[in-house]
C-alpha cells in the first residue's frame, strides 16, 4: 500500500494481459496532471519568447525552469513507483524489477 498526500493506493500496479498499468489515487493523478498542464503552458510560453526574438539568456532561464518542473514530476512518480509497484513486485519474488528500475534511473539522470 502507498500513502501520499492523505491517499492510499493499494494494488498500484496490475497486469492487464501483457500491459502493466499503474493505478494512482485520483488525488495523485490530478496532482501529476496539474503539474504537467503548468509545464505545458511554460513550454508554450518559451515558444512565444522565441517567436518574439527574446534575449537568449531569458529563454534559457525559462527552459531551466521547465526542466526543473519536469524533474519534480519525475521524482513524484518515481517515489510512487518505488513505494508501490517495485515493492509489490519484489514481494512477489520478481527481482527483474530491479534491473528495470536501474535502466529507468539511468535514463532519468542522463
Protein backbone atom coordinates (compact mmCIF):
# COMPACT_ATOMS: atom_id res chain seq x y z
CA UNK A 1 0.00 0.00 0.00
CA UNK A 2 1.08 3.57 -0.64
CA UNK A 3 0.20 6.61 1.38
CA UNK A 4 0.85 10.04 -0.09
CA UNK A 5 -0.93 13.33 0.41
CA UNK A 6 -3.56 11.59 2.51
CA UNK A 7 -4.36 8.97 -0.12
CA UNK A 8 -3.67 5.25 -0.01
CA UNK A 9 -3.05 3.30 -3.19
CA UNK A 10 -3.50 -0.43 -2.97
CA UNK A 11 -2.77 -2.80 -5.83
CA UNK A 12 -0.96 0.05 -7.51
CA UNK A 13 0.47 -2.00 -10.33
CA UNK A 14 -1.56 -4.59 -12.11
CA UNK A 15 -1.18 -6.62 -15.24
CA UNK A 16 -3.86 -6.27 -17.87
CA UNK A 17 -2.95 -9.08 -20.25
CA UNK A 18 0.64 -8.23 -21.16
CA UNK A 19 0.47 -4.49 -20.45
CA UNK A 20 1.29 -3.33 -16.93
CA UNK A 21 -0.69 -0.43 -15.54
CA UNK A 22 -0.35 1.86 -12.56
CA UNK A 23 -3.34 2.83 -10.51
CA UNK A 24 -2.87 6.12 -8.74
CA UNK A 25 -5.43 7.69 -6.47
CA UNK A 26 -7.45 10.47 -8.05
CA UNK A 27 -5.64 12.98 -5.85
CA UNK A 28 -2.19 11.85 -7.03
CA UNK A 29 -3.29 11.63 -10.66
CA UNK A 30 -4.81 15.11 -10.51
CA UNK A 31 -1.63 16.48 -8.94
CA UNK A 32 0.52 14.98 -11.70
CA UNK A 33 -1.84 16.23 -14.42
CA UNK A 34 -1.97 19.71 -12.88
CA UNK A 35 1.83 19.91 -12.80
CA UNK A 36 2.06 18.72 -16.40
CA UNK A 37 -0.55 21.28 -17.50
CA UNK A 38 1.54 24.05 -15.93
CA UNK A 39 4.65 22.71 -17.67
CA UNK A 40 2.77 22.60 -20.97
CA UNK A 41 1.90 26.26 -20.50
CA UNK A 42 5.52 27.09 -19.73
CA UNK A 43 6.65 25.34 -22.92
CA UNK A 44 4.12 27.33 -24.96
CA UNK A 45 5.47 30.45 -23.26
CA UNK A 46 9.01 29.56 -24.30
CA UNK A 47 7.84 29.10 -27.88
CA UNK A 48 6.31 32.57 -27.71
CA UNK A 49 9.56 34.02 -26.37
CA UNK A 50 11.46 32.56 -29.29
CA UNK A 51 8.88 33.85 -31.76
CA UNK A 52 9.34 37.34 -30.23
CA UNK A 53 13.15 37.10 -30.51
CA UNK A 54 13.53 37.33 -26.74
CA UNK A 55 17.09 37.57 -25.44
CA UNK A 56 18.61 34.06 -25.38
CA UNK A 57 19.59 34.15 -21.69
CA UNK A 58 15.98 34.84 -20.71
CA UNK A 59 14.77 31.92 -22.82
CA UNK A 60 17.44 29.62 -21.38
CA UNK A 61 16.32 30.54 -17.86
CA UNK A 62 12.75 29.58 -18.74
CA UNK A 63 13.97 26.29 -20.23
CA UNK A 64 15.80 25.59 -16.98
CA UNK A 65 12.59 26.24 -15.08
CA UNK A 66 10.68 23.75 -17.24
CA UNK A 67 13.39 21.13 -16.81
CA UNK A 68 13.22 21.57 -13.05
CA UNK A 69 9.44 21.23 -13.09
CA UNK A 70 9.66 18.05 -15.19
CA UNK A 71 12.22 16.67 -12.75
CA UNK A 72 9.73 17.32 -9.95
CA UNK A 73 7.05 15.33 -11.75
CA UNK A 74 9.56 12.55 -12.37
CA UNK A 75 10.59 12.46 -8.70
CA UNK A 76 6.99 12.25 -7.53
CA UNK A 77 6.18 9.48 -10.00
CA UNK A 78 9.39 7.62 -9.10
CA UNK A 79 8.55 7.83 -5.40
CA UNK A 80 5.12 6.33 -6.02
CA UNK A 81 6.62 3.66 -8.26
CA UNK A 82 9.17 2.65 -5.62
CA UNK A 83 6.67 2.61 -2.77
CA UNK A 84 4.11 0.60 -4.67
CA UNK A 85 4.97 -1.22 -7.88
CA UNK A 86 8.59 -2.04 -7.07
CA UNK A 87 7.85 -3.21 -3.53
CA UNK A 88 4.87 -5.22 -4.74
CA UNK A 89 6.88 -6.99 -7.43
CA UNK A 90 9.78 -7.74 -5.07
CA UNK A 91 7.32 -9.21 -2.56
CA UNK A 92 6.00 -11.40 -5.39
CA UNK A 93 9.57 -12.65 -5.97
CA UNK A 94 10.14 -10.68 -9.18
CA UNK A 95 13.71 -9.40 -8.81
CA UNK A 96 13.78 -8.39 -12.51
CA UNK A 97 12.04 -5.20 -11.40
CA UNK A 98 15.39 -4.01 -10.01
CA UNK A 99 17.05 -4.28 -13.44
CA UNK A 100 14.09 -2.44 -14.95
CA UNK A 101 14.38 0.24 -12.26
CA UNK A 102 18.10 0.73 -12.88
CA UNK A 103 17.52 1.20 -16.63
CA UNK A 104 14.83 3.77 -15.85
CA UNK A 105 17.03 5.57 -13.30
CA UNK A 106 19.87 5.77 -15.81
CA UNK A 107 17.51 7.38 -18.31
CA UNK A 108 16.27 9.87 -15.72
CA UNK A 109 19.72 11.02 -14.62
CA UNK A 110 21.21 11.42 -18.10
